[in-house]
Amino acid sequence: MNRHGSFLSENFGSYRVSSQCKSTTGYMALPAPMVPDDWRAVLENPSSLAEAEETWKRLIRTAHPDNGGSHARAAQINAAIAMARKEFGA
C-alpha cells in the first residue's frame, strides 16, 4: 500500500498497478475442499484426538513448505486436523 492508502504505486508521476493485484492469482492453486470423511484418511484413521494430533505433528513436519513440502499438502493436513478437532470435540 502506498502512503495514500491505495494499492497503486507512484512511478515518476504516473501510476502503475503494484504486485499486490498480481498476488491474488495464488489462490487458484489451493486444493479442493475436503469432504467430511477425507480427513480420516489424511490422518491415517485415528481413533482419538490424541492420535490425530500426534499424526498431524508427524505429517506436518515434512509437509510444511519451510521444510521442503508443498503448500497444498500442508493445507490438506491442516484442514484434516481442524475437522478432527471439530469431530472429537476439542
PDB file of N, CA and C in Angstrom:
ATOM      1  N   MET A   1       0.834  -1.168   0.000  1.00  0.00           N
ATOM      2  CA  MET A   1       0.000   0.000   0.000  1.00  0.00           C
ATOM      3  C   MET A   1       0.882   1.236   0.000  1.00  0.00           C
ATOM      4  N   ASN A   2       0.485   2.241  -0.707  1.00  0.00           N
ATOM      5  CA  ASN A   2       1.276   3.468  -0.688  1.00  0.00           C
ATOM      6  C   ASN A   2       0.804   4.379   0.440  1.00  0.00           C
ATOM      7  N   ARG A   3       1.409   5.539   0.526  1.00  0.00           N
ATOM      8  CA  ARG A   3       1.091   6.447   1.632  1.00  0.00           C
ATOM      9  C   ARG A   3      -0.324   7.003   1.569  1.00  0.00           C
ATOM     10  N   HIS A   4      -0.996   6.885   0.424  1.00  0.00           N
ATOM     11  CA  HIS A   4      -2.365   7.378   0.276  1.00  0.00           C
ATOM     12  C   HIS A   4      -3.409   6.299   0.565  1.00  0.00           C
ATOM     13  N   GLY A   5      -2.952   5.097   0.913  1.00  0.00           N
ATOM     14  CA  GLY A   5      -3.880   4.033   1.262  1.00  0.00           C
ATOM     15  C   GLY A   5      -4.418   3.247   0.087  1.00  0.00           C
ATOM     16  N   SER A   6      -3.796   3.372  -1.083  1.00  0.00           N
ATOM     17  CA  SER A   6      -4.265   2.606  -2.227  1.00  0.00           C
ATOM     18  C   SER A   6      -3.200   1.612  -2.648  1.00  0.00           C
ATOM     19  N   PHE A   7      -3.561   0.669  -3.498  1.00  0.00           N
ATOM     20  CA  PHE A   7      -2.632  -0.333  -3.972  1.00  0.00           C
ATOM     21  C   PHE A   7      -1.975   0.087  -5.276  1.00  0.00           C
ATOM     22  N   LEU A   8      -1.951   1.376  -5.539  1.00  0.00           N
ATOM     23  CA  LEU A   8      -1.246   1.900  -6.702  1.00  0.00           C
ATOM     24  C   LEU A   8       0.060   2.495  -6.212  1.00  0.00           C
ATOM     25  N   SER A   9       1.077   2.407  -7.019  1.00  0.00           N
ATOM     26  CA  SER A   9       2.350   2.977  -6.606  1.00  0.00           C
ATOM     27  C   SER A   9       2.802   4.016  -7.617  1.00  0.00           C
ATOM     28  N   GLU A  10       3.418   5.079  -7.125  1.00  0.00           N
ATOM     29  CA  GLU A  10       3.879   6.156  -7.995  1.00  0.00           C
ATOM     30  C   GLU A  10       5.136   5.729  -8.724  1.00  0.00           C
ATOM     31  N   ASN A  11       5.222   6.138  -9.962  1.00  0.00           N
ATOM     32  CA  ASN A  11       6.406   5.869 -10.752  1.00  0.00           C
ATOM     33  C   ASN A  11       6.671   7.082 -11.636  1.00  0.00           C
ATOM     34  N   PHE A  12       7.484   8.024 -11.146  1.00  0.00           N
ATOM     35  CA  PHE A  12       7.810   9.244 -11.885  1.00  0.00           C
ATOM     36  C   PHE A  12       6.556  10.015 -12.328  1.00  0.00           C
ATOM     37  N   GLY A  13       5.624  10.178 -11.433  1.00  0.00           N
ATOM     38  CA  GLY A  13       4.450  10.968 -11.727  1.00  0.00           C
ATOM     39  C   GLY A  13       3.291  10.185 -12.332  1.00  0.00           C
ATOM     40  N   SER A  14       3.522   8.976 -12.790  1.00  0.00           N
ATOM     41  CA  SER A  14       2.420   8.163 -13.329  1.00  0.00           C
ATOM     42  C   SER A  14       2.112   7.056 -12.333  1.00  0.00           C
ATOM     43  N   TYR A  15       0.992   6.413 -12.514  1.00  0.00           N
ATOM     44  CA  TYR A  15       0.609   5.337 -11.623  1.00  0.00           C
ATOM     45  C   TYR A  15       0.645   4.016 -12.364  1.00  0.00           C
ATOM     46  N   ARG A  16       1.033   2.980 -11.663  1.00  0.00           N
ATOM     47  CA  ARG A  16       1.015   1.633 -12.222  1.00  0.00           C
ATOM     48  C   ARG A  16       0.474   0.680 -11.166  1.00  0.00           C
ATOM     49  N   VAL A  17      -0.054  -0.439 -11.568  1.00  0.00           N
ATOM     50  CA  VAL A  17      -0.613  -1.416 -10.634  1.00  0.00           C
ATOM     51  C   VAL A  17       0.533  -2.124  -9.939  1.00  0.00           C
ATOM     52  N   SER A  18       0.438  -2.246  -8.636  1.00  0.00           N
ATOM     53  CA  SER A  18       1.505  -2.891  -7.878  1.00  0.00           C
ATOM     54  C   SER A  18       1.368  -4.405  -7.937  1.00  0.00           C
ATOM     55  N   SER A  19       2.338  -5.079  -7.367  1.00  0.00           N
ATOM     56  CA  SER A  19       2.324  -6.541  -7.355  1.00  0.00           C
ATOM     57  C   SER A  19       1.232  -7.094  -6.444  1.00  0.00           C
ATOM     58  N   GLN A  20       0.620  -6.244  -5.612  1.00  0.00           N
ATOM     59  CA  GLN A  20      -0.459  -6.686  -4.729  1.00  0.00           C
ATOM     60  C   GLN A  20      -1.602  -7.299  -5.538  1.00  0.00           C
ATOM     61  N   CYS A  21      -1.940  -6.730  -6.678  1.00  0.00           N
ATOM     62  CA  CYS A  21      -3.022  -7.238  -7.509  1.00  0.00           C
ATOM     63  C   CYS A  21      -2.657  -8.580  -8.134  1.00  0.00           C
ATOM     64  N   LYS A  22      -1.402  -8.759  -8.445  1.00  0.00           N
ATOM     65  CA  LYS A  22      -0.950  -9.990  -9.067  1.00  0.00           C
ATOM     66  C   LYS A  22      -0.920 -11.146  -8.081  1.00  0.00           C
ATOM     67  N   SER A  23      -0.776 -10.874  -6.797  1.00  0.00           N
ATOM     68  CA  SER A  23      -0.619 -11.929  -5.802  1.00  0.00           C
ATOM     69  C   SER A  23      -1.889 -12.747  -5.585  1.00  0.00           C
ATOM     70  N   THR A  24      -3.046 -12.240  -5.966  1.00  0.00           N
ATOM     71  CA  THR A  24      -4.286 -12.979  -5.734  1.00  0.00           C
ATOM     72  C   THR A  24      -4.427 -14.198  -6.643  1.00  0.00           C
ATOM     73  N   THR A  25      -3.614 -14.319  -7.672  1.00  0.00           N
ATOM     74  CA  THR A  25      -3.701 -15.487  -8.550  1.00  0.00           C
ATOM     75  C   THR A  25      -3.239 -16.752  -7.852  1.00  0.00           C
ATOM     76  N   GLY A  26      -2.548 -16.652  -6.742  1.00  0.00           N
ATOM     77  CA  GLY A  26      -2.086 -17.813  -5.998  1.00  0.00           C
ATOM     78  C   GLY A  26      -3.212 -18.630  -5.400  1.00  0.00           C
ATOM     79  N   TYR A  27      -4.363 -18.027  -5.188  1.00  0.00           N
ATOM     80  CA  TYR A  27      -5.478 -18.749  -4.592  1.00  0.00           C
ATOM     81  C   TYR A  27      -6.047 -19.819  -5.508  1.00  0.00           C
ATOM     82  N   MET A  28      -5.785 -19.740  -6.779  1.00  0.00           N
ATOM     83  CA  MET A  28      -6.285 -20.745  -7.709  1.00  0.00           C
ATOM     84  C   MET A  28      -5.587 -22.081  -7.512  1.00  0.00           C
ATOM     85  N   ALA A  29      -4.447 -22.097  -6.835  1.00  0.00           N
ATOM     86  CA  ALA A  29      -3.683 -23.315  -6.655  1.00  0.00           C
ATOM     87  C   ALA A  29      -4.069 -24.080  -5.390  1.00  0.00           C
ATOM     88  N   LEU A  30      -4.987 -23.565  -4.605  1.00  0.00           N
ATOM     89  CA  LEU A  30      -5.383 -24.259  -3.384  1.00  0.00           C
ATOM     90  C   LEU A  30      -6.118 -25.556  -3.708  1.00  0.00           C
ATOM     91  N   PRO A  31      -5.963 -26.574  -2.849  1.00  0.00           N
ATOM     92  CA  PRO A  31      -6.649 -27.841  -3.101  1.00  0.00           C
ATOM     93  C   PRO A  31      -8.157 -27.711  -2.931  1.00  0.00           C
ATOM     94  N   ALA A  32      -8.871 -28.659  -3.492  1.00  0.00           N
ATOM     95  CA  ALA A  32     -10.324 -28.681  -3.348  1.00  0.00           C
ATOM     96  C   ALA A  32     -10.685 -28.883  -1.881  1.00  0.00           C
ATOM     97  N   PRO A  33     -11.814 -28.345  -1.434  1.00  0.00           N
ATOM     98  CA  PRO A  33     -12.211 -28.528  -0.043  1.00  0.00           C
ATOM     99  C   PRO A  33     -12.381 -30.012   0.293  1.00  0.00           C
ATOM    100  N   MET A  34     -12.055 -30.322   1.511  1.00  0.00           N
ATOM    101  CA  MET A  34     -12.122 -31.704   1.962  1.00  0.00           C
ATOM    102  C   MET A  34     -13.569 -32.085   2.298  1.00  0.00           C
ATOM    103  N   VAL A  35     -13.981 -33.266   1.898  1.00  0.00           N
ATOM    104  CA  VAL A  35     -15.295 -33.760   2.296  1.00  0.00           C
ATOM    105  C   VAL A  35     -15.172 -34.347   3.693  1.00  0.00           C
ATOM    106  N   PRO A  36     -16.260 -34.442   4.446  1.00  0.00           N
ATOM    107  CA  PRO A  36     -16.180 -34.808   5.858  1.00  0.00           C
ATOM    108  C   PRO A  36     -15.388 -36.074   6.203  1.00  0.00           C
ATOM    109  N   ASP A  37     -15.385 -37.091   5.384  1.00  0.00           N
ATOM    110  CA  ASP A  37     -14.681 -38.316   5.759  1.00  0.00           C
ATOM    111  C   ASP A  37     -13.242 -38.383   5.268  1.00  0.00           C
ATOM    112  N   ASP A  38     -12.834 -37.456   4.413  1.00  0.00           N
ATOM    113  CA  ASP A  38     -11.465 -37.476   3.894  1.00  0.00           C
ATOM    114  C   ASP A  38     -10.412 -37.233   4.962  1.00  0.00           C
ATOM    115  N   TRP A  39     -10.730 -36.483   5.983  1.00  0.00           N
ATOM    116  CA  TRP A  39      -9.734 -36.159   6.994  1.00  0.00           C
ATOM    117  C   TRP A  39      -9.206 -37.398   7.683  1.00  0.00           C
ATOM    118  N   ARG A  40     -10.043 -38.410   7.820  1.00  0.00           N
ATOM    119  CA  ARG A  40      -9.587 -39.650   8.465  1.00  0.00           C
ATOM    120  C   ARG A  40      -8.475 -40.318   7.668  1.00  0.00           C
ATOM    121  N   ALA A  41      -8.609 -40.356   6.367  1.00  0.00           N
ATOM    122  CA  ALA A  41      -7.577 -40.963   5.528  1.00  0.00           C
ATOM    123  C   ALA A  41      -6.282 -40.156   5.593  1.00  0.00           C
ATOM    124  N   VAL A  42      -6.400 -38.832   5.602  1.00  0.00           N
ATOM    125  CA  VAL A  42      -5.214 -37.977   5.667  1.00  0.00           C
ATOM    126  C   VAL A  42      -4.462 -38.201   6.974  1.00  0.00           C
ATOM    127  N   LEU A  43      -5.198 -38.342   8.072  1.00  0.00           N
ATOM    128  CA  LEU A  43      -4.576 -38.521   9.387  1.00  0.00           C
ATOM    129  C   LEU A  43      -4.456 -39.994   9.781  1.00  0.00           C
ATOM    130  N   GLU A  44      -4.540 -40.871   8.814  1.00  0.00           N
ATOM    131  CA  GLU A  44      -4.311 -42.306   8.997  1.00  0.00           C
ATOM    132  C   GLU A  44      -5.285 -42.951   9.982  1.00  0.00           C
ATOM    133  N   ASN A  45      -6.551 -42.599   9.866  1.00  0.00           N
ATOM    134  CA  ASN A  45      -7.659 -43.190  10.633  1.00  0.00           C
ATOM    135  C   ASN A  45      -7.444 -43.223  12.141  1.00  0.00           C
ATOM    136  N   PRO A  46      -7.352 -42.069  12.775  1.00  0.00           N
ATOM    137  CA  PRO A  46      -7.168 -42.039  14.229  1.00  0.00           C
ATOM    138  C   PRO A  46      -8.444 -42.412  14.960  1.00  0.00           C
ATOM    139  N   SER A  47      -8.279 -42.979  16.153  1.00  0.00           N
ATOM    140  CA  SER A  47      -9.453 -43.329  16.953  1.00  0.00           C
ATOM    141  C   SER A  47      -9.684 -42.330  18.084  1.00  0.00           C
ATOM    142  N   SER A  48      -8.771 -41.381  18.246  1.00  0.00           N
ATOM    143  CA  SER A  48      -8.933 -40.357  19.274  1.00  0.00           C
ATOM    144  C   SER A  48      -8.273 -39.055  18.802  1.00  0.00           C
ATOM    145  N   LEU A  49      -8.582 -37.980  19.510  1.00  0.00           N
ATOM    146  CA  LEU A  49      -7.978 -36.701  19.169  1.00  0.00           C
ATOM    147  C   LEU A  49      -6.475 -36.730  19.436  1.00  0.00           C
ATOM    148  N   ALA A  50      -6.060 -37.429  20.479  1.00  0.00           N
ATOM    149  CA  ALA A  50      -4.633 -37.526  20.786  1.00  0.00           C
ATOM    150  C   ALA A  50      -3.878 -38.196  19.634  1.00  0.00           C
ATOM    151  N   GLU A  51      -4.446 -39.256  19.089  1.00  0.00           N
ATOM    152  CA  GLU A  51      -3.827 -39.932  17.936  1.00  0.00           C
ATOM    153  C   GLU A  51      -3.788 -39.009  16.726  1.00  0.00           C
ATOM    154  N   ALA A  52      -4.867 -38.276  16.504  1.00  0.00           N
ATOM    155  CA  ALA A  52      -4.933 -37.358  15.372  1.00  0.00           C
ATOM    156  C   ALA A  52      -3.883 -36.260  15.504  1.00  0.00           C
ATOM    157  N   GLU A  53      -3.731 -35.702  16.696  1.00  0.00           N
ATOM    158  CA  GLU A  53      -2.740 -34.654  16.943  1.00  0.00           C
ATOM    159  C   GLU A  53      -1.321 -35.192  16.739  1.00  0.00           C
ATOM    160  N   GLU A  54      -1.062 -36.383  17.212  1.00  0.00           N
ATOM    161  CA  GLU A  54       0.261 -36.996  17.068  1.00  0.00           C
ATOM    162  C   GLU A  54       0.600 -37.224  15.590  1.00  0.00           C
ATOM    163  N   THR A  55      -0.359 -37.738  14.843  1.00  0.00           N
ATOM    164  CA  THR A  55      -0.155 -37.969  13.411  1.00  0.00           C
ATOM    165  C   THR A  55       0.012 -36.649  12.682  1.00  0.00           C
ATOM    166  N   TRP A  56      -0.787 -35.650  13.048  1.00  0.00           N
ATOM    167  CA  TRP A  56      -0.679 -34.319  12.431  1.00  0.00           C
ATOM    168  C   TRP A  56       0.718 -33.752  12.621  1.00  0.00           C
ATOM    169  N   LYS A  57       1.245 -33.820  13.849  1.00  0.00           N
ATOM    170  CA  LYS A  57       2.581 -33.292  14.120  1.00  0.00           C
ATOM    171  C   LYS A  57       3.642 -33.992  13.272  1.00  0.00           C
ATOM    172  N   ARG A  58       3.522 -35.291  13.142  1.00  0.00           N
ATOM    173  CA  ARG A  58       4.483 -36.061  12.355  1.00  0.00           C
ATOM    174  C   ARG A  58       4.392 -35.701  10.876  1.00  0.00           C
ATOM    175  N   LEU A  59       3.174 -35.601  10.349  1.00  0.00           N
ATOM    176  CA  LEU A  59       2.987 -35.312   8.927  1.00  0.00           C
ATOM    177  C   LEU A  59       3.367 -33.873   8.556  1.00  0.00           C
ATOM    178  N   ILE A  60       3.010 -32.938   9.422  1.00  0.00           N
ATOM    179  CA  ILE A  60       3.239 -31.534   9.081  1.00  0.00           C
ATOM    180  C   ILE A  60       4.718 -31.178   9.104  1.00  0.00           C
ATOM    181  N   ARG A  61       5.522 -31.922   9.860  1.00  0.00           N
ATOM    182  CA  ARG A  61       6.969 -31.663   9.882  1.00  0.00           C
ATOM    183  C   ARG A  61       7.584 -31.770   8.496  1.00  0.00           C
ATOM    184  N   THR A  62       7.166 -32.765   7.725  1.00  0.00           N
ATOM    185  CA  THR A  62       7.738 -32.957   6.391  1.00  0.00           C
ATOM    186  C   THR A  62       6.933 -32.254   5.306  1.00  0.00           C
ATOM    187  N   ALA A  63       5.657 -32.005   5.550  1.00  0.00           N
ATOM    188  CA  ALA A  63       4.800 -31.406   4.522  1.00  0.00           C
ATOM    189  C   ALA A  63       4.858 -29.881   4.506  1.00  0.00           C
ATOM    190  N   HIS A  64       5.341 -29.270   5.566  1.00  0.00           N
ATOM    191  CA  HIS A  64       5.352 -27.810   5.648  1.00  0.00           C
ATOM    192  C   HIS A  64       6.299 -27.216   4.602  1.00  0.00           C
ATOM    193  N   PRO A  65       5.892 -26.143   3.931  1.00  0.00           N
ATOM    194  CA  PRO A  65       6.737 -25.530   2.903  1.00  0.00           C
ATOM    195  C   PRO A  65       8.117 -25.087   3.407  1.00  0.00           C
ATOM    196  N   ASP A  66       8.220 -24.717   4.663  1.00  0.00           N
ATOM    197  CA  ASP A  66       9.515 -24.319   5.220  1.00  0.00           C
ATOM    198  C   ASP A  66      10.486 -25.494   5.322  1.00  0.00           C
ATOM    199  N   ASN A  67       9.952 -26.697   5.278  1.00  0.00           N
ATOM    200  CA  ASN A  67      10.783 -27.896   5.352  1.00  0.00           C
ATOM    201  C   ASN A  67      10.850 -28.623   4.021  1.00  0.00           C
ATOM    202  N   GLY A  68      10.525 -27.958   2.943  1.00  0.00           N
ATOM    203  CA  GLY A  68      10.606 -28.559   1.619  1.00  0.00           C
ATOM    204  C   GLY A  68       9.315 -29.183   1.125  1.00  0.00           C
ATOM    205  N   GLY A  69       8.240 -29.098   1.896  1.00  0.00           N
ATOM    206  CA  GLY A  69       6.948 -29.637   1.471  1.00  0.00           C
ATOM    207  C   GLY A  69       6.196 -28.643   0.602  1.00  0.00           C
ATOM    208  N   SER A  70       4.981 -29.001   0.267  1.00  0.00           N
ATOM    209  CA  SER A  70       4.171 -28.133  -0.593  1.00  0.00           C
ATOM    210  C   SER A  70       3.081 -27.431   0.218  1.00  0.00           C
ATOM    211  N   HIS A  71       2.677 -26.285  -0.279  1.00  0.00           N
ATOM    212  CA  HIS A  71       1.594 -25.541   0.365  1.00  0.00           C
ATOM    213  C   HIS A  71       0.299 -26.348   0.335  1.00  0.00           C
ATOM    214  N   ALA A  72       0.048 -27.016  -0.773  1.00  0.00           N
ATOM    215  CA  ALA A  72      -1.203 -27.774  -0.923  1.00  0.00           C
ATOM    216  C   ALA A  72      -1.278 -28.914   0.085  1.00  0.00           C
ATOM    217  N   ARG A  73      -0.178 -29.649   0.256  1.00  0.00           N
ATOM    218  CA  ARG A  73      -0.176 -30.781   1.193  1.00  0.00           C
ATOM    219  C   ARG A  73      -0.311 -30.278   2.634  1.00  0.00           C
ATOM    220  N   ALA A  74       0.385 -29.218   2.974  1.00  0.00           N
ATOM    221  CA  ALA A  74       0.282 -28.660   4.325  1.00  0.00           C
ATOM    222  C   ALA A  74      -1.140 -28.166   4.594  1.00  0.00           C
ATOM    223  N   ALA A  75      -1.767 -27.544   3.606  1.00  0.00           N
ATOM    224  CA  ALA A  75      -3.147 -27.077   3.764  1.00  0.00           C
ATOM    225  C   ALA A  75      -4.097 -28.252   3.959  1.00  0.00           C
ATOM    226  N   GLN A  76      -3.854 -29.339   3.239  1.00  0.00           N
ATOM    227  CA  GLN A  76      -4.690 -30.528   3.374  1.00  0.00           C
ATOM    228  C   GLN A  76      -4.572 -31.125   4.781  1.00  0.00           C
ATOM    229  N   ILE A  77      -3.360 -31.208   5.291  1.00  0.00           N
ATOM    230  CA  ILE A  77      -3.141 -31.758   6.629  1.00  0.00           C
ATOM    231  C   ILE A  77      -3.744 -30.847   7.691  1.00  0.00           C
ATOM    232  N   ASN A  78      -3.588 -29.544   7.532  1.00  0.00           N
ATOM    233  CA  ASN A  78      -4.171 -28.602   8.499  1.00  0.00           C
ATOM    234  C   ASN A  78      -5.692 -28.626   8.472  1.00  0.00           C
ATOM    235  N   ALA A  79      -6.275 -28.786   7.300  1.00  0.00           N
ATOM    236  CA  ALA A  79      -7.738 -28.900   7.203  1.00  0.00           C
ATOM    237  C   ALA A  79      -8.208 -30.188   7.873  1.00  0.00           C
ATOM    238  N   ALA A  80      -7.432 -31.249   7.728  1.00  0.00           N
ATOM    239  CA  ALA A  80      -7.797 -32.526   8.332  1.00  0.00           C
ATOM    240  C   ALA A  80      -7.791 -32.443   9.854  1.00  0.00           C
ATOM    241  N   ILE A  81      -6.779 -31.813  10.427  1.00  0.00           N
ATOM    242  CA  ILE A  81      -6.737 -31.721  11.891  1.00  0.00           C
ATOM    243  C   ILE A  81      -7.842 -30.802  12.404  1.00  0.00           C
ATOM    244  N   ALA A  82      -8.196 -29.784  11.643  1.00  0.00           N
ATOM    245  CA  ALA A  82      -9.302 -28.909  12.052  1.00  0.00           C
ATOM    246  C   ALA A  82     -10.608 -29.690  12.097  1.00  0.00           C
ATOM    247  N   MET A  83     -10.815 -30.542  11.106  1.00  0.00           N
ATOM    248  CA  MET A  83     -12.043 -31.355  11.090  1.00  0.00           C
ATOM    249  C   MET A  83     -12.013 -32.403  12.196  1.00  0.00           C
ATOM    250  N   ALA A  84     -10.846 -32.947  12.492  1.00  0.00           N
ATOM    251  CA  ALA A  84     -10.726 -33.923  13.582  1.00  0.00           C
ATOM    252  C   ALA A  84     -11.046 -33.266  14.918  1.00  0.00           C
ATOM    253  N   ARG A  85     -10.517 -32.081  15.128  1.00  0.00           N
ATOM    254  CA  ARG A  85     -10.801 -31.354  16.381  1.00  0.00           C
ATOM    255  C   ARG A  85     -12.281 -31.067  16.517  1.00  0.00           C
ATOM    256  N   LYS A  86     -12.906 -30.729  15.409  1.00  0.00           N
ATOM    257  CA  LYS A  86     -14.344 -30.459  15.437  1.00  0.00           C
ATOM    258  C   LYS A  86     -15.130 -31.732  15.770  1.00  0.00           C
ATOM    259  N   GLU A  87     -14.767 -32.836  15.125  1.00  0.00           N
ATOM    260  CA  GLU A  87     -15.499 -34.092  15.365  1.00  0.00           C
ATOM    261  C   GLU A  87     -15.257 -34.655  16.756  1.00  0.00           C
ATOM    262  N   PHE A  88     -14.017 -34.585  17.238  1.00  0.00           N
ATOM    263  CA  PHE A  88     -13.707 -35.133  18.557  1.00  0.00           C
ATOM    264  C   PHE A  88     -14.061 -34.169  19.688  1.00  0.00           C
ATOM    265  N   GLY A  89     -14.495 -32.970  19.326  1.00  0.00           N
ATOM    266  CA  GLY A  89     -14.988 -32.033  20.322  1.00  0.00           C
ATOM    267  C   GLY A  89     -13.946 -31.217  21.049  1.00  0.00           C
ATOM    268  N   ALA A  90     -12.876 -30.869  20.362  1.00  0.00           N
ATOM    269  CA  ALA A  90     -11.842 -30.047  21.016  1.00  0.00           C
ATOM    270  C   ALA A  90     -11.964 -28.597  20.612  1.00  0.00           C
TER     271      ALA A  90
END
